[in-house]
Amino acid sequence: MAPTRLEQLVLDAAKSDAAAAVLKFDDAQSWLDVAVQGPAEPLGAEAWVFDPDFTHVVLVRHPWRAWVPPGGRVEPGETPREGAARELFEETGLRVELLGEPAAVAVRAFHPELPPTLSLSYAAVVPASTPLTGEDGQQASWMRLDEDWESYFPEDRSRMRHFVTLQRAASA
């Protein structure tokens, strides 16, 4: 069955953002090219929020994934960028402008019983003094990038650090 016009707009936004992402992992573009030929799993989107010095990142304490970037499922009719902004607000209380280029694209499963899906990461920069309001049962906190934290996605640390290195080089 062909996607509706709205579904096609969302898929086009995902494909465009995947192609424009600063960092690309897991052969995500090829995965997406195949996935859009059939019923695609819901997309994932998250926000990497850094302080202006790029020494801290906002993470949320998920009940079983441990410390992860704020994010989740992209809702029907919502672009991945819109989903990342919505999830960020819901999980931290932050309403911020996301940077123009997506930070990263990857393929991952968000639960051991779920199939892999495309996950787009968007970045923002806000002062570390900005207060965070976590969801019930899910604390939000500023974490140091030069320290390790427990996470269901341990590769996130190195991916965020790589992104920060590129951001610092671009602004030098």
C-alpha atoms as a PDB file:
ATOM      1  CA  MET A   1       0.000   0.000   0.000  1.00  0.00           C
ATOM      2  CA  ALA A   2       1.386   3.409  -0.974  1.00  0.00           C
ATOM      3  CA  PRO A   3       1.953   5.940   1.819  1.00  0.00           C
ATOM      4  CA  THR A   4      -0.534   8.763   2.209  1.00  0.00           C
ATOM      5  CA  ARG A   5       0.534  12.262   1.259  1.00  0.00           C
ATOM      6  CA  LEU A   6       1.217  13.119   4.903  1.00  0.00           C
ATOM      7  CA  GLU A   7       3.177   9.892   5.474  1.00  0.00           C
ATOM      8  CA  GLN A   8       5.196  10.624   2.337  1.00  0.00           C
ATOM      9  CA  LEU A   9       6.018  14.138   3.612  1.00  0.00           C
ATOM     10  CA  VAL A  10       7.251  12.632   6.898  1.00  0.00           C
ATOM     11  CA  LEU A  11       9.341  10.012   5.063  1.00  0.00           C
ATOM     12  CA  ASP A  12      10.766  12.712   2.784  1.00  0.00           C
ATOM     13  CA  ALA A  13      11.723  14.781   5.847  1.00  0.00           C
ATOM     14  CA  ALA A  14      13.381  11.730   7.414  1.00  0.00           C
ATOM     15  CA  LYS A  15      15.297  10.945   4.220  1.00  0.00           C
ATOM     16  CA  SER A  16      16.409  14.562   3.853  1.00  0.00           C
ATOM     17  CA  ASP A  17      17.551  14.802   7.476  1.00  0.00           C
ATOM     18  CA  ALA A  18      19.315  11.425   7.272  1.00  0.00           C
ATOM     19  CA  ALA A  19      21.239  12.622   4.219  1.00  0.00           C
ATOM     20  CA  ALA A  20      22.116  15.934   5.913  1.00  0.00           C
ATOM     21  CA  ALA A  21      23.204  14.463   9.266  1.00  0.00           C
ATOM     22  CA  VAL A  22      26.682  15.460  10.420  1.00  0.00           C
ATOM     23  CA  LEU A  23      27.408  11.903  11.600  1.00  0.00           C
ATOM     24  CA  LYS A  24      26.134   8.743   9.938  1.00  0.00           C
ATOM     25  CA  PHE A  25      26.171   5.317  11.586  1.00  0.00           C
ATOM     26  CA  ASP A  26      25.020   1.773  10.856  1.00  0.00           C
ATOM     27  CA  ASP A  27      24.680   2.376   7.096  1.00  0.00           C
ATOM     28  CA  ALA A  28      21.481   4.213   8.026  1.00  0.00           C
ATOM     29  CA  GLN A  29      20.879   5.706   4.577  1.00  0.00           C
ATOM     30  CA  SER A  30      20.870   2.276   2.909  1.00  0.00           C
ATOM     31  CA  TRP A  31      18.702   0.888   5.692  1.00  0.00           C
ATOM     32  CA  LEU A  32      16.214   3.735   5.173  1.00  0.00           C
ATOM     33  CA  ASP A  33      16.163   3.249   1.409  1.00  0.00           C
ATOM     34  CA  VAL A  34      15.051  -0.357   1.929  1.00  0.00           C
ATOM     35  CA  ALA A  35      12.720   0.351   4.872  1.00  0.00           C
ATOM     36  CA  VAL A  36      10.599   2.923   3.031  1.00  0.00           C
ATOM     37  CA  GLN A  37       9.699   0.317   0.392  1.00  0.00           C
ATOM     38  CA  GLY A  38       7.432  -1.447   2.891  1.00  0.00           C
ATOM     39  CA  PRO A  39       5.558  -0.553   6.038  1.00  0.00           C
ATOM     40  CA  ALA A  40       8.228   1.290   8.012  1.00  0.00           C
ATOM     41  CA  GLU A  41       8.565   0.963  11.749  1.00  0.00           C
ATOM     42  CA  PRO A  42       7.923   4.173  13.681  1.00  0.00           C
ATOM     43  CA  LEU A  43      10.925   6.459  13.469  1.00  0.00           C
ATOM     44  CA  GLY A  44      12.896   7.514  16.526  1.00  0.00           C
ATOM     45  CA  ALA A  45      14.150  11.026  17.277  1.00  0.00           C
ATOM     46  CA  GLU A  46      16.201  12.506  20.095  1.00  0.00           C
ATOM     47  CA  ALA A  47      17.875  15.734  21.124  1.00  0.00           C
ATOM     48  CA  TRP A  48      21.514  16.156  22.091  1.00  0.00           C
ATOM     49  CA  VAL A  49      21.484  19.325  24.200  1.00  0.00           C
ATOM     50  CA  PHE A  50      24.902  20.753  25.033  1.00  0.00           C
ATOM     51  CA  ASP A  51      26.104  23.698  27.078  1.00  0.00           C
ATOM     52  CA  PRO A  52      27.912  26.474  25.115  1.00  0.00           C
ATOM     53  CA  ASP A  53      31.335  25.100  26.140  1.00  0.00           C
ATOM     54  CA  PHE A  54      30.374  21.626  24.896  1.00  0.00           C
ATOM     55  CA  THR A  55      31.417  20.071  28.204  1.00  0.00           C
ATOM     56  CA  HIS A  56      27.972  18.890  29.352  1.00  0.00           C
ATOM     57  CA  VAL A  57      24.968  17.181  27.757  1.00  0.00           C
ATOM     58  CA  VAL A  58      21.386  16.765  28.955  1.00  0.00           C
ATOM     59  CA  LEU A  59      20.389  13.170  29.620  1.00  0.00           C
ATOM     60  CA  VAL A  60      17.298  11.582  31.129  1.00  0.00           C
ATOM     61  CA  ARG A  61      17.239   8.580  33.445  1.00  0.00           C
ATOM     62  CA  HIS A  62      15.026   6.085  31.654  1.00  0.00           C
ATOM     63  CA  PRO A  63      13.523   3.365  33.894  1.00  0.00           C
ATOM     64  CA  TRP A  64      15.508   0.550  32.224  1.00  0.00           C
ATOM     65  CA  ARG A  65      17.720   2.184  29.548  1.00  0.00           C
ATOM     66  CA  ALA A  66      19.609   4.180  32.211  1.00  0.00           C
ATOM     67  CA  TRP A  67      20.990   7.558  30.999  1.00  0.00           C
ATOM     68  CA  VAL A  68      19.921   8.411  27.445  1.00  0.00           C
ATOM     69  CA  PRO A  69      19.291  11.580  25.433  1.00  0.00           C
ATOM     70  CA  PRO A  70      15.708  12.850  25.585  1.00  0.00           C
ATOM     71  CA  GLY A  71      13.773  11.297  22.740  1.00  0.00           C
ATOM     72  CA  GLY A  72      11.341   8.696  21.605  1.00  0.00           C
ATOM     73  CA  ARG A  73       8.938   7.669  18.895  1.00  0.00           C
ATOM     74  CA  VAL A  74       8.017  10.079  16.124  1.00  0.00           C
ATOM     75  CA  GLU A  75       4.234  10.374  16.202  1.00  0.00           C
ATOM     76  CA  PRO A  76       2.133   9.919  13.031  1.00  0.00           C
ATOM     77  CA  GLY A  77       2.137  13.082  10.913  1.00  0.00           C
ATOM     78  CA  GLU A  78       5.125  14.522  12.791  1.00  0.00           C
ATOM     79  CA  THR A  79       8.564  15.008  11.224  1.00  0.00           C
ATOM     80  CA  PRO A  80      11.549  13.591  13.112  1.00  0.00           C
ATOM     81  CA  ARG A  81      12.677  17.152  13.945  1.00  0.00           C
ATOM     82  CA  GLU A  82       9.243  17.939  15.395  1.00  0.00           C
ATOM     83  CA  GLY A  83       9.303  14.660  17.321  1.00  0.00           C
ATOM     84  CA  ALA A  84      12.712  15.440  18.816  1.00  0.00           C
ATOM     85  CA  ALA A  85      11.560  18.906  19.924  1.00  0.00           C
ATOM     86  CA  ARG A  86       8.342  17.501  21.425  1.00  0.00           C
ATOM     87  CA  GLU A  87      10.148  14.688  23.265  1.00  0.00           C
ATOM     88  CA  LEU A  88      12.751  17.154  24.554  1.00  0.00           C
ATOM     89  CA  PHE A  89      10.026  19.368  26.002  1.00  0.00           C
ATOM     90  CA  GLU A  90       8.079  16.452  27.482  1.00  0.00           C
ATOM     91  CA  GLU A  91      11.136  14.907  29.138  1.00  0.00           C
ATOM     92  CA  THR A  92      13.068  18.008  30.245  1.00  0.00           C
ATOM     93  CA  GLY A  93      10.788  21.046  30.012  1.00  0.00           C
ATOM     94  CA  LEU A  94      13.183  22.606  27.463  1.00  0.00           C
ATOM     95  CA  ARG A  95      11.783  24.481  24.474  1.00  0.00           C
ATOM     96  CA  VAL A  96      14.828  25.301  22.396  1.00  0.00           C
ATOM     97  CA  GLU A  97      15.720  25.804  18.780  1.00  0.00           C
ATOM     98  CA  LEU A  98      17.435  22.772  17.332  1.00  0.00           C
ATOM     99  CA  LEU A  99      20.513  23.384  15.179  1.00  0.00           C
ATOM    100  CA  GLY A 100      19.888  23.401  11.432  1.00  0.00           C
ATOM    101  CA  GLU A 101      21.820  20.244  10.544  1.00  0.00           C
ATOM    102  CA  PRO A 102      20.810  17.011  12.234  1.00  0.00           C
ATOM    103  CA  ALA A 103      23.602  15.778  14.513  1.00  0.00           C
ATOM    104  CA  ALA A 104      23.433  12.089  13.624  1.00  0.00           C
ATOM    105  CA  VAL A 105      21.494   9.278  12.027  1.00  0.00           C
ATOM    106  CA  ALA A 106      21.657   5.663  13.187  1.00  0.00           C
ATOM    107  CA  VAL A 107      19.723   2.411  13.102  1.00  0.00           C
ATOM    108  CA  ARG A 108      18.830   0.995  16.501  1.00  0.00           C
ATOM    109  CA  ALA A 109      16.262  -1.013  18.420  1.00  0.00           C
ATOM    110  CA  PHE A 110      14.821   0.819  21.391  1.00  0.00           C
ATOM    111  CA  HIS A 111      13.832  -2.416  23.127  1.00  0.00           C
ATOM    112  CA  PRO A 112      15.177  -5.963  22.789  1.00  0.00           C
ATOM    113  CA  GLU A 113      11.778  -7.121  21.516  1.00  0.00           C
ATOM    114  CA  LEU A 114      11.393  -4.348  18.935  1.00  0.00           C
ATOM    115  CA  PRO A 115      12.848  -4.333  15.428  1.00  0.00           C
ATOM    116  CA  PRO A 116      15.502  -1.762  14.550  1.00  0.00           C
ATOM    117  CA  THR A 117      14.375   1.580  13.214  1.00  0.00           C
ATOM    118  CA  LEU A 118      15.887   4.812  12.006  1.00  0.00           C
ATOM    119  CA  SER A 119      16.863   7.218  14.763  1.00  0.00           C
ATOM    120  CA  LEU A 120      17.670  10.842  14.038  1.00  0.00           C
ATOM    121  CA  SER A 121      19.554  12.951  16.587  1.00  0.00           C
ATOM    122  CA  TYR A 122      19.243  16.726  16.595  1.00  0.00           C
ATOM    123  CA  ALA A 123      21.398  19.109  18.618  1.00  0.00           C
ATOM    124  CA  ALA A 124      20.838  22.295  20.560  1.00  0.00           C
ATOM    125  CA  VAL A 125      23.014  24.544  22.694  1.00  0.00           C
ATOM    126  CA  VAL A 126      21.700  26.149  25.886  1.00  0.00           C
ATOM    127  CA  PRO A 127      23.332  27.455  29.073  1.00  0.00           C
ATOM    128  CA  ALA A 128      23.967  24.743  31.675  1.00  0.00           C
ATOM    129  CA  SER A 129      22.187  26.966  34.169  1.00  0.00           C
ATOM    130  CA  THR A 130      18.925  26.297  32.310  1.00  0.00           C
ATOM    131  CA  PRO A 131      16.643  24.425  34.712  1.00  0.00           C
ATOM    132  CA  LEU A 132      15.415  20.969  33.715  1.00  0.00           C
ATOM    133  CA  THR A 133      12.066  19.461  34.607  1.00  0.00           C
ATOM    134  CA  GLY A 134      12.055  15.699  34.221  1.00  0.00           C
ATOM    135  CA  GLU A 135       8.964  13.598  33.634  1.00  0.00           C
ATOM    136  CA  ASP A 136       7.511  11.618  36.520  1.00  0.00           C
ATOM    137  CA  GLY A 137       9.894   8.760  37.234  1.00  0.00           C
ATOM    138  CA  GLN A 138      12.449  10.003  34.708  1.00  0.00           C
ATOM    139  CA  GLN A 139      15.023  12.453  36.068  1.00  0.00           C
ATOM    140  CA  ALA A 140      16.692  14.923  33.674  1.00  0.00           C
ATOM    141  CA  SER A 141      20.252  16.018  34.403  1.00  0.00           C
ATOM    142  CA  TRP A 142      23.307  17.746  32.940  1.00  0.00           C
ATOM    143  CA  MET A 143      26.080  15.154  32.577  1.00  0.00           C
ATOM    144  CA  ARG A 144      29.767  15.768  31.898  1.00  0.00           C
ATOM    145  CA  LEU A 145      30.906  14.642  28.449  1.00  0.00           C
ATOM    146  CA  ASP A 146      34.361  13.685  29.716  1.00  0.00           C
ATOM    147  CA  GLU A 147      32.866  11.154  32.146  1.00  0.00           C
ATOM    148  CA  ASP A 148      31.148   7.872  31.408  1.00  0.00           C
ATOM    149  CA  TRP A 149      27.565   7.092  32.321  1.00  0.00           C
ATOM    150  CA  GLU A 150      25.529   3.908  32.313  1.00  0.00           C
ATOM    151  CA  SER A 151      23.401   3.638  29.166  1.00  0.00           C
ATOM    152  CA  TYR A 152      21.519   1.108  27.068  1.00  0.00           C
ATOM    153  CA  PHE A 153      23.281   2.791  24.140  1.00  0.00           C
ATOM    154  CA  PRO A 154      26.938   2.968  25.283  1.00  0.00           C
ATOM    155  CA  GLU A 155      28.010   4.133  21.799  1.00  0.00           C
ATOM    156  CA  ASP A 156      26.154   7.415  22.426  1.00  0.00           C
ATOM    157  CA  ARG A 157      29.062   8.752  24.503  1.00  0.00           C
ATOM    158  CA  SER A 158      31.621   8.431  21.715  1.00  0.00           C
ATOM    159  CA  ARG A 159      29.141   9.643  19.103  1.00  0.00           C
ATOM    160  CA  MET A 160      28.317  12.777  21.083  1.00  0.00           C
ATOM    161  CA  ARG A 161      31.997  13.399  21.802  1.00  0.00           C
ATOM    162  CA  HIS A 162      32.769  13.087  18.081  1.00  0.00           C
ATOM    163  CA  PHE A 163      29.992  15.561  17.271  1.00  0.00           C
ATOM    164  CA  VAL A 164      31.360  18.008  19.868  1.00  0.00           C
ATOM    165  CA  THR A 165      34.858  17.716  18.375  1.00  0.00           C
ATOM    166  CA  LEU A 166      33.450  18.616  14.960  1.00  0.00           C
ATOM    167  CA  GLN A 167      31.443  21.542  16.392  1.00  0.00           C
ATOM    168  CA  ARG A 168      34.495  22.933  18.164  1.00  0.00           C
ATOM    169  CA  ALA A 169      36.596  22.625  14.975  1.00  0.00           C
ATOM    170  CA  ALA A 170      33.910  24.367  12.921  1.00  0.00           C
ATOM    171  CA  SER A 171      33.749  27.298  15.333  1.00  0.00           C
ATOM    172  CA  ALA A 172      37.552  27.688  15.638  1.00  0.00           C
END
